[in-house]
């Protein structure tokens, strides 16, 4: 009898996996028969890892798309804070940990991939937001502390560095309770380790509050099929903690355009410059239902259905010449023309984002994918769909001591009028604390430097 039961269980598992594979390949054939699609679908070699865990592709995809949109109340309050710097409630700590980043004038290459860590695998948990945030933190450490620099390249794999490996398990354990209590204008935000999806908005604050230990002291558990992210320390994990001290934020395209009157060119350059200066960015988007089958090329949706939210890591950008080098664009092409099924708009893209996913290196283009950047026409007419990363805010952890902190004379975490007054009172003295230029004197040059640092801190 036991042998019969065992045989039946094995048969059920094999049938379940065969059904997943058959379902996958059926969709591959359907996508690849779509005319004029600038990307190819392919088989995901890691599908066997989900044998016995997922009963269907829908169940698997719900785990993979574990990023949640911010409640409108929080998003609106955050924008008001960035415009006025006024704090009024218990979520002040989240807002005050961030500053709006804007383009500072760096000369930028036509294509560029920033240093980042290798592709990881979130497995059967909705922790993409933790992987995205951790990957941005790792890249920030490589760029800002170890001072690695990216380069113009059509291959993101060439720019992978393994000098640091931080714990996604720890990041995922410190989610928030999404049943946000809202009482008389006050948000009460509590921790939770429930595997219910998350957001980089909160996770980047936890880089400051909790930090991240090393992966080997807090290893990721991917295939336990648990509704919780487990507490999993090994050894003296606290000694390996690394912290950020601030988060640079680039708001969604419409907020940058409308709330801060930013031009398209400055918006794109803001994103590029943040990647160059700080490292890879944590970004998010809503996932079209055919995205899971991406294999290579420039991804654009073939249909207008959404299958959840996802957070990933923006590592760089490519131009038209780089796409030609990859063989993804005809030699005589000057742009990639596509019609967005969500908006009905036809766009001509000349800039393309390179993005690191968290579904393992056997998915997609060695674990990466490429999408068109928002065009100037889209930026100005607002015809931008949620599958494009510009629809949402982007985040860059600041892990080194930022230059503007030199002007924070009272060490309150902010450069403000009290620091300005302190500098004015110290004019013509020899107090090194206020000598921002390092020339041995406190004079008008230091006042000019202070104003630059003040603007940079906001």
Protein backbone atom coordinates (compact mmCIF):
# COMPACT_ATOMS: atom_id res chain seq x y z
CA UNK A 1 0.00 0.00 0.00
CA UNK A 2 2.82 2.44 0.90
CA UNK A 3 4.48 1.79 -2.47
CA UNK A 4 1.23 2.58 -4.28
CA UNK A 5 0.84 5.87 -2.37
CA UNK A 6 4.45 6.80 -3.09
CA UNK A 7 4.04 6.09 -6.81
CA UNK A 8 0.86 8.19 -6.90
CA UNK A 9 2.61 11.13 -5.18
CA UNK A 10 5.51 10.99 -7.63
CA UNK A 11 3.05 10.84 -10.52
CA UNK A 12 1.22 13.90 -9.21
CA UNK A 13 4.46 15.89 -8.89
CA UNK A 14 5.58 14.93 -12.41
CA UNK A 15 2.17 15.80 -13.79
CA UNK A 16 2.21 19.15 -11.99
CA UNK A 17 5.63 20.06 -13.42
CA UNK A 18 4.70 18.81 -16.89
CA UNK A 19 1.60 21.00 -16.73
CA UNK A 20 3.72 24.05 -15.78
CA UNK A 21 6.12 23.39 -18.63
CA UNK A 22 3.35 22.75 -21.15
CA UNK A 23 1.56 25.92 -20.06
CA UNK A 24 4.81 27.89 -20.33
CA UNK A 25 5.71 26.63 -23.82
CA UNK A 26 2.19 27.23 -25.10
CA UNK A 27 2.54 30.90 -24.19
CA UNK A 28 6.04 31.06 -25.74
CA UNK A 29 4.63 29.96 -29.10
CA UNK A 30 1.79 32.47 -28.81
CA UNK A 31 4.07 35.42 -28.01
CA UNK A 32 6.64 34.57 -30.68
CA UNK A 33 3.90 34.49 -33.33
CA UNK A 34 3.02 38.14 -32.54
CA UNK A 35 4.14 40.29 -35.51
CA UNK A 36 6.70 43.10 -35.10
CA UNK A 37 7.41 42.38 -31.43
CA UNK A 38 10.96 43.66 -30.59
CA UNK A 39 11.69 40.80 -28.16
CA UNK A 40 11.56 37.01 -28.02
CA UNK A 41 9.93 34.72 -25.51
CA UNK A 42 11.81 31.64 -24.29
CA UNK A 43 11.73 28.74 -21.88
CA UNK A 44 12.66 29.53 -18.27
CA UNK A 45 15.26 26.91 -17.34
CA UNK A 46 14.69 27.47 -13.64
CA UNK A 47 11.07 26.31 -13.79
CA UNK A 48 12.00 22.94 -12.29
CA UNK A 49 12.88 24.68 -9.02
CA UNK A 50 9.16 25.24 -8.44
CA UNK A 51 8.25 21.57 -8.76
CA UNK A 52 5.85 20.75 -5.93
CA UNK A 53 5.61 24.40 -4.82
CA UNK A 54 3.41 26.03 -7.45
CA UNK A 55 0.34 24.26 -8.75
CA UNK A 56 0.02 26.72 -11.63
CA UNK A 57 1.89 29.54 -13.32
CA UNK A 58 -0.60 32.01 -11.86
CA UNK A 59 0.37 30.92 -8.34
CA UNK A 60 4.07 31.34 -9.18
CA UNK A 61 3.56 34.75 -10.77
CA UNK A 62 1.67 36.03 -7.72
CA UNK A 63 4.81 35.29 -5.68
CA UNK A 64 7.10 36.91 -8.21
CA UNK A 65 5.10 40.15 -8.29
CA UNK A 66 5.19 41.15 -4.64
CA UNK A 67 5.52 44.92 -4.82
CA UNK A 68 2.65 47.09 -3.65
CA UNK A 69 1.73 50.62 -4.66
CA UNK A 70 1.84 53.25 -1.95
CA UNK A 71 -1.52 54.38 -0.60
CA UNK A 72 -2.45 57.68 -2.22
CA UNK A 73 -2.47 59.45 1.15
CA UNK A 74 1.19 58.56 1.76
CA UNK A 75 2.28 59.49 -1.76
CA UNK A 76 0.52 62.89 -1.58
CA UNK A 77 1.96 63.64 1.87
CA UNK A 78 5.46 62.75 0.71
CA UNK A 79 5.27 65.14 -2.24
CA UNK A 80 4.00 67.91 0.05
CA UNK A 81 6.94 67.25 2.36
CA UNK A 82 9.47 67.46 -0.49
CA UNK A 83 7.98 70.81 -1.53
CA UNK A 84 7.65 72.34 1.97
CA UNK A 85 9.89 70.23 4.30
CA UNK A 86 7.13 70.38 6.94
CA UNK A 87 6.69 67.28 9.12
CA UNK A 88 3.45 66.63 10.91
CA UNK A 89 2.87 62.96 11.78
CA UNK A 90 4.27 59.58 12.76
CA UNK A 91 5.44 58.76 9.26
CA UNK A 92 7.73 61.81 9.41
CA UNK A 93 10.73 59.53 9.87
CA UNK A 94 10.16 57.90 6.47
CA UNK A 95 9.82 61.22 4.66
CA UNK A 96 12.70 62.94 6.45
CA UNK A 97 15.05 60.09 5.52
CA UNK A 98 14.75 61.04 1.85
CA UNK A 99 15.66 64.02 -0.32
CA UNK A 100 14.64 64.94 -3.84
CA UNK A 101 17.48 64.42 -6.29
CA UNK A 102 17.79 66.64 -9.36
CA UNK A 103 20.32 66.86 -12.17
CA UNK A 104 23.58 68.62 -11.16
CA UNK A 105 25.19 68.96 -14.60
CA UNK A 106 27.42 65.88 -14.93
CA UNK A 107 28.49 65.09 -18.49
CA UNK A 108 26.85 61.75 -19.28
CA UNK A 109 27.80 59.02 -21.81
CA UNK A 110 25.42 57.83 -24.52
CA UNK A 111 25.29 54.35 -22.98
CA UNK A 112 26.44 53.21 -19.57
CA UNK A 113 26.18 50.28 -17.14
CA UNK A 114 26.96 50.94 -13.46
CA UNK A 115 28.77 48.48 -11.19
CA UNK A 116 26.33 46.15 -9.45
CA UNK A 117 26.16 42.73 -7.82
CA UNK A 118 25.16 39.52 -9.67
CA UNK A 119 21.55 38.53 -10.31
CA UNK A 120 19.88 36.85 -7.32
CA UNK A 121 16.82 34.59 -7.03
CA UNK A 122 13.84 35.55 -4.86
CA UNK A 123 12.38 32.06 -5.46
CA UNK A 124 8.89 31.34 -4.10
CA UNK A 125 8.39 34.50 -2.04
CA UNK A 126 6.89 37.91 -2.78
CA UNK A 127 10.13 39.65 -1.78
CA UNK A 128 11.11 41.36 -5.02
CA UNK A 129 10.98 44.71 -3.17
CA UNK A 130 13.59 43.42 -0.67
CA UNK A 131 15.82 42.17 -3.51
CA UNK A 132 15.51 45.46 -5.38
CA UNK A 133 16.39 47.51 -2.28
CA UNK A 134 19.25 45.21 -1.28
CA UNK A 135 20.70 45.27 -4.81
CA UNK A 136 20.61 49.08 -4.82
CA UNK A 137 22.34 49.10 -1.41
CA UNK A 138 25.04 46.70 -2.68
CA UNK A 139 25.67 48.81 -5.77
CA UNK A 140 25.77 51.95 -3.62
CA UNK A 141 28.46 50.39 -1.45
CA UNK A 142 30.50 49.33 -4.50
CA UNK A 143 30.27 52.80 -6.09
CA UNK A 144 30.29 55.17 -3.12
CA UNK A 145 32.60 53.32 -0.69
CA UNK A 146 34.79 51.01 -2.77
CA UNK A 147 34.74 53.58 -5.59
CA UNK A 148 34.19 51.19 -8.47
CA UNK A 149 32.95 52.91 -11.60
CA UNK A 150 30.79 51.63 -14.44
CA UNK A 151 31.48 52.09 -18.13
CA UNK A 152 29.89 52.26 -21.55
CA UNK A 153 28.97 48.67 -22.30
CA UNK A 154 26.21 46.65 -23.93
CA UNK A 155 26.67 43.81 -21.44
CA UNK A 156 25.53 44.19 -17.81
CA UNK A 157 27.15 40.86 -16.91
CA UNK A 158 30.58 42.45 -17.48
CA UNK A 159 29.87 44.99 -14.73
CA UNK A 160 28.98 42.49 -11.99
CA UNK A 161 31.06 42.59 -8.79
CA UNK A 162 30.83 40.14 -5.89
CA UNK A 163 32.75 42.21 -3.32
CA UNK A 164 29.65 42.59 -1.18
CA UNK A 165 26.63 40.33 -0.61
CA UNK A 166 23.93 41.59 1.76
CA UNK A 167 20.91 39.79 3.19
CA UNK A 168 17.61 39.92 1.34
CA UNK A 169 16.16 37.68 4.07
CA UNK A 170 16.81 40.39 6.66
CA UNK A 171 15.35 43.08 4.41
CA UNK A 172 12.28 40.95 3.72
CA UNK A 173 11.75 40.19 7.40
CA UNK A 174 11.36 43.91 8.10
CA UNK A 175 8.28 44.60 6.02
CA UNK A 176 5.47 46.83 7.29
CA UNK A 177 1.97 45.91 8.35
CA UNK A 178 0.01 47.01 5.29
CA UNK A 179 -3.14 47.46 7.34
CA UNK A 180 -2.06 51.03 7.96
CA UNK A 181 -3.85 52.67 10.87
CA UNK A 182 -4.94 56.17 9.88
CA UNK A 183 -6.25 58.14 12.81
CA UNK A 184 -6.94 61.88 12.74
CA UNK A 185 -4.18 62.55 10.20
CA UNK A 186 -1.65 60.23 11.85
CA UNK A 187 -0.16 57.15 10.22
CA UNK A 188 0.86 54.39 12.60
CA UNK A 189 3.30 52.12 10.78
CA UNK A 190 4.36 48.82 12.35
CA UNK A 191 6.79 46.09 11.31
CA UNK A 192 5.59 42.75 9.96
CA UNK A 193 7.34 39.72 8.50
CA UNK A 194 4.29 38.55 6.55
CA UNK A 195 5.03 37.56 2.96
CA UNK A 196 2.42 39.90 1.50
CA UNK A 197 4.50 42.16 -0.74
CA UNK A 198 6.29 45.38 0.09
CA UNK A 199 7.66 48.69 -1.19
CA UNK A 200 11.12 50.28 -1.61
CA UNK A 201 9.68 53.44 -0.04
CA UNK A 202 9.65 51.75 3.37
CA UNK A 203 12.54 49.34 2.72
CA UNK A 204 15.00 52.16 1.99
CA UNK A 205 14.20 53.70 5.36
CA UNK A 206 15.00 50.37 7.00
CA UNK A 207 18.48 50.56 5.45
CA UNK A 208 18.98 53.54 7.77
CA UNK A 209 17.07 52.19 10.76
CA UNK A 210 18.19 48.53 10.74
CA UNK A 211 20.93 48.29 8.11
CA UNK A 212 21.65 45.00 6.32
CA UNK A 213 23.89 42.15 7.52
CA UNK A 214 25.92 39.94 5.20
CA UNK A 215 24.24 37.13 3.29
CA UNK A 216 26.33 34.41 4.95
CA UNK A 217 25.20 35.52 8.43
CA UNK A 218 21.54 35.84 7.38
CA UNK A 219 21.03 33.53 4.36
CA UNK A 220 17.97 33.66 2.15
CA UNK A 221 15.36 30.90 2.40
CA UNK A 222 13.64 30.76 -0.96
CA UNK A 223 11.73 27.51 -1.31
CA UNK A 224 10.17 26.96 2.12
CA UNK A 225 6.63 27.76 0.88
CA UNK A 226 5.95 29.75 4.06
CA UNK A 227 3.54 32.72 4.40
CA UNK A 228 6.20 34.40 6.57
CA UNK A 229 9.77 35.58 6.04
CA UNK A 230 11.68 33.78 8.75
CA UNK A 231 14.20 35.12 11.25
CA UNK A 232 17.32 33.25 10.21
CA UNK A 233 20.53 34.60 11.85
CA UNK A 234 23.83 32.72 11.89
CA UNK A 235 26.80 33.76 14.01
CA UNK A 236 27.49 37.33 15.03
CA UNK A 237 25.45 38.94 12.26
CA UNK A 238 25.34 42.35 13.96
CA UNK A 239 29.05 42.87 13.31
CA UNK A 240 28.41 42.66 9.57
CA UNK A 241 25.68 45.32 9.42
CA UNK A 242 26.00 48.06 6.81
CA UNK A 243 23.81 51.16 6.90
CA UNK A 244 22.80 53.96 4.58
CA UNK A 245 22.32 57.46 5.97
CA UNK A 246 19.90 59.02 3.48
CA UNK A 247 17.92 58.09 0.36
CA UNK A 248 17.98 60.07 -2.88
CA UNK A 249 14.53 60.00 -4.50
CA UNK A 250 13.56 60.70 -8.09
CA UNK A 251 9.78 61.10 -8.14
CA UNK A 252 7.51 59.74 -10.86
CA UNK A 253 7.69 61.54 -14.19
CA UNK A 254 4.41 63.44 -13.67
CA UNK A 255 5.36 64.64 -10.19
CA UNK A 256 8.76 65.83 -11.40
CA UNK A 257 7.06 67.55 -14.33
CA UNK A 258 4.07 69.07 -12.52
CA UNK A 259 5.15 69.55 -8.90
CA UNK A 260 8.74 70.61 -9.67
CA UNK A 261 8.48 71.99 -13.24
CA UNK A 262 11.27 69.76 -14.53
CA UNK A 263 11.98 69.51 -18.27
CA UNK A 264 12.13 66.13 -20.00
CA UNK A 265 15.86 66.46 -20.62
CA UNK A 266 16.60 67.23 -16.97
CA UNK A 267 14.35 64.40 -15.83
CA UNK A 268 16.21 61.82 -17.94
CA UNK A 269 19.58 63.29 -16.93
CA UNK A 270 18.53 63.17 -13.27
CA UNK A 271 18.00 59.41 -13.53
CA UNK A 272 21.25 58.88 -15.42
CA UNK A 273 23.31 61.06 -13.09
CA UNK A 274 21.93 59.34 -9.98
CA UNK A 275 23.05 55.98 -11.43
CA UNK A 276 26.52 57.38 -12.17
CA UNK A 277 26.96 59.07 -8.77
CA UNK A 278 25.23 56.68 -6.39
CA UNK A 279 24.84 53.27 -8.07
CA UNK A 280 21.95 51.19 -9.33
CA UNK A 281 18.43 52.44 -8.51
CA UNK A 282 15.54 50.60 -6.90
CA UNK A 283 12.55 50.97 -9.23
CA UNK A 284 9.12 49.41 -9.69
CA UNK A 285 6.38 48.90 -12.28
CA UNK A 286 3.20 46.96 -12.95
CA UNK A 287 3.86 43.67 -14.75
CA UNK A 288 2.13 42.95 -18.08
CA UNK A 289 0.89 39.36 -18.27
CA UNK A 290 3.33 38.33 -21.03
CA UNK A 291 6.45 39.74 -19.33
CA UNK A 292 7.30 36.46 -17.55
CA UNK A 293 8.22 34.84 -20.87
CA UNK A 294 10.82 37.46 -21.90
CA UNK A 295 14.07 35.96 -23.22
CA UNK A 296 15.94 38.75 -25.03
CA UNK A 297 15.40 41.97 -26.95
CA UNK A 298 13.61 45.17 -25.99
CA UNK A 299 10.52 44.31 -23.99
CA UNK A 300 7.22 46.01 -24.80
CA UNK A 301 3.85 44.46 -23.89
CA UNK A 302 1.93 42.47 -26.48
CA UNK A 303 -1.36 42.90 -24.58
CA UNK A 304 -2.92 45.28 -22.07
CA UNK A 305 -3.44 43.10 -19.01
CA UNK A 306 -1.57 43.50 -15.69
CA UNK A 307 -0.43 40.68 -13.42
CA UNK A 308 0.78 42.43 -10.25
CA UNK A 309 3.54 44.80 -9.15
CA UNK A 310 7.28 44.19 -9.26
CA UNK A 311 10.40 45.93 -7.94
CA UNK A 312 13.71 45.57 -9.79
CA UNK A 313 17.08 47.32 -10.10
CA UNK A 314 17.95 49.85 -12.81
CA UNK A 315 21.66 49.39 -13.61
CA UNK A 316 22.14 51.53 -16.72
CA UNK A 317 21.04 52.57 -20.18
CA UNK A 318 21.73 51.82 -23.85
CA UNK A 319 21.39 53.90 -27.00
CA UNK A 320 20.44 52.83 -30.51
CA UNK A 321 24.02 51.95 -31.44
CA UNK A 322 24.28 49.56 -28.48
CA UNK A 323 21.09 47.79 -29.58
CA UNK A 324 22.55 47.38 -33.05
CA UNK A 325 25.69 45.91 -31.49
CA UNK A 326 23.49 43.37 -29.72
CA UNK A 327 21.70 42.57 -32.97
CA UNK A 328 18.34 43.76 -31.61
CA UNK A 329 17.87 46.61 -34.09
CA UNK A 330 18.38 46.89 -37.86
CA UNK A 331 21.55 48.66 -38.96
CA UNK A 332 19.61 51.42 -40.75
CA UNK A 333 17.26 52.09 -37.80
CA UNK A 334 17.40 55.41 -35.96
CA UNK A 335 14.88 54.45 -33.26
CA UNK A 336 12.67 51.62 -32.09
CA UNK A 337 9.04 52.21 -33.01
CA UNK A 338 6.36 50.42 -31.00
CA UNK A 339 2.70 50.82 -30.15
CA UNK A 340 1.82 50.63 -26.47
CA UNK A 341 -1.28 48.43 -26.07
CA UNK A 342 -2.17 50.21 -22.81
CA UNK A 343 -2.31 53.75 -24.24
CA UNK A 344 -2.70 53.10 -27.96
CA UNK A 345 0.16 55.54 -28.57
CA UNK A 346 2.95 54.86 -31.07
CA UNK A 347 6.33 55.83 -29.63
CA UNK A 348 9.80 56.16 -31.12
CA UNK A 349 12.35 55.24 -28.47
CA UNK A 350 16.05 56.10 -28.72
CA UNK A 351 16.97 55.41 -25.08
CA UNK A 352 16.63 52.06 -23.30
CA UNK A 353 16.94 51.07 -19.64
CA UNK A 354 18.93 47.99 -18.58
CA UNK A 355 17.30 46.33 -15.57
CA UNK A 356 18.41 43.56 -13.22
CA UNK A 357 15.63 41.16 -12.23
CA UNK A 358 15.49 38.82 -9.21
CA UNK A 359 14.32 35.56 -10.78
CA UNK A 360 17.79 34.04 -11.22
CA UNK A 361 20.25 34.28 -14.12
CA UNK A 362 18.46 31.56 -16.10
CA UNK A 363 15.50 33.90 -16.64
CA UNK A 364 15.52 36.42 -19.49
CA UNK A 365 18.73 37.95 -20.80
CA UNK A 366 21.08 36.33 -18.27
CA UNK A 367 18.72 37.58 -15.55
CA UNK A 368 18.32 41.08 -17.04
CA UNK A 369 15.91 42.76 -19.42
CA UNK A 370 15.73 45.96 -21.48
CA UNK A 371 12.79 48.37 -21.86
CA UNK A 372 12.31 51.65 -23.73
CA UNK A 373 12.74 54.79 -21.66
CA UNK A 374 9.92 57.31 -21.61
CA UNK A 375 10.02 59.58 -24.69
CA UNK A 376 9.72 63.35 -24.70
CA UNK A 377 6.27 63.07 -26.30
CA UNK A 378 5.10 60.72 -23.53
CA UNK A 379 6.58 62.94 -20.84
CA UNK A 380 4.74 65.98 -22.11
CA UNK A 381 1.39 64.39 -23.01
CA UNK A 382 1.23 62.06 -19.99
CA UNK A 383 0.53 58.93 -22.07
CA UNK A 384 2.70 56.71 -19.88
CA UNK A 385 1.50 53.26 -18.80
CA UNK A 386 2.24 51.60 -15.48
CA UNK A 387 4.56 49.01 -17.10
CA UNK A 388 7.14 51.78 -17.58
CA UNK A 389 9.41 52.41 -14.60
CA UNK A 390 9.05 56.20 -14.90
CA UNK A 391 5.45 55.89 -13.70
CA UNK A 392 6.79 55.41 -10.15
CA UNK A 393 9.50 56.91 -7.93
CA UNK A 394 13.10 55.65 -7.95
CA UNK A 395 15.42 55.28 -4.96
CA UNK A 396 19.19 55.41 -4.40
CA UNK A 397 20.71 54.70 -0.95
CA UNK A 398 23.41 57.11 0.17
CA UNK A 399 25.99 55.06 2.09
CA UNK A 400 29.05 57.25 2.14
CA UNK A 401 29.12 60.53 4.04
CA UNK A 402 27.42 62.95 1.60
CA UNK A 403 29.33 66.12 0.77
CA UNK A 404 26.45 68.30 1.98
CA UNK A 405 26.87 66.91 5.51
CA UNK A 406 29.91 69.19 5.87
CA UNK A 407 27.47 72.10 6.07
CA UNK A 408 25.34 70.41 8.76
CA UNK A 409 27.18 72.23 11.54
CA UNK A 410 24.73 71.30 14.32
CA UNK A 411 24.62 67.60 13.24
CA UNK A 412 20.83 67.45 13.18
CA UNK A 413 20.74 65.58 9.85
CA UNK A 414 19.64 68.63 7.88
CA UNK A 415 21.25 71.69 6.31
CA UNK A 416 19.03 74.63 7.18
CA UNK A 417 18.85 78.25 8.30
CA UNK A 418 20.43 77.55 11.69
CA UNK A 419 23.55 76.24 9.92
CA UNK A 420 23.57 79.34 7.69
CA UNK A 421 23.41 81.63 10.72
CA UNK A 422 26.21 79.71 12.43
CA UNK A 423 28.41 80.16 9.37
CA UNK A 424 27.68 83.89 9.17
CA UNK A 425 28.61 84.29 12.82
CA UNK A 426 31.91 82.49 12.15
CA UNK A 427 32.93 84.70 9.20
CA UNK A 428 36.52 85.94 9.25
CA UNK A 429 37.46 83.46 11.98
CA UNK A 430 39.95 80.59 11.78
CA UNK A 431 37.44 77.99 12.96
CA UNK A 432 38.13 74.94 10.78
CA UNK A 433 34.62 73.63 11.33
CA UNK A 434 33.26 76.38 9.09
CA UNK A 435 36.07 76.38 6.54
CA UNK A 436 34.16 74.53 3.80
CA UNK A 437 36.78 75.24 1.13
CA UNK A 438 39.78 74.14 3.20
CA UNK A 439 41.75 77.31 2.48
CA UNK A 440 42.31 78.14 6.16
CA UNK A 441 39.85 81.07 6.17
CA UNK A 442 36.13 81.50 6.70
CA UNK A 443 34.99 84.06 4.11
CA UNK A 444 32.58 84.72 1.26
CA UNK A 445 33.80 81.69 -0.67
CA UNK A 446 32.50 79.50 2.14
CA UNK A 447 29.12 81.22 1.92
CA UNK A 448 28.93 80.32 -1.79
CA UNK A 449 29.93 76.73 -1.07
CA UNK A 450 27.33 76.54 1.69
CA UNK A 451 24.55 77.53 -0.73
CA UNK A 452 25.58 74.79 -3.15
CA UNK A 453 25.65 72.20 -0.37
CA UNK A 454 22.33 73.44 0.99
CA UNK A 455 20.70 72.93 -2.42
CA UNK A 456 22.32 69.51 -2.77
CA UNK A 457 20.91 68.40 0.58
CA UNK A 458 17.31 69.03 -0.49
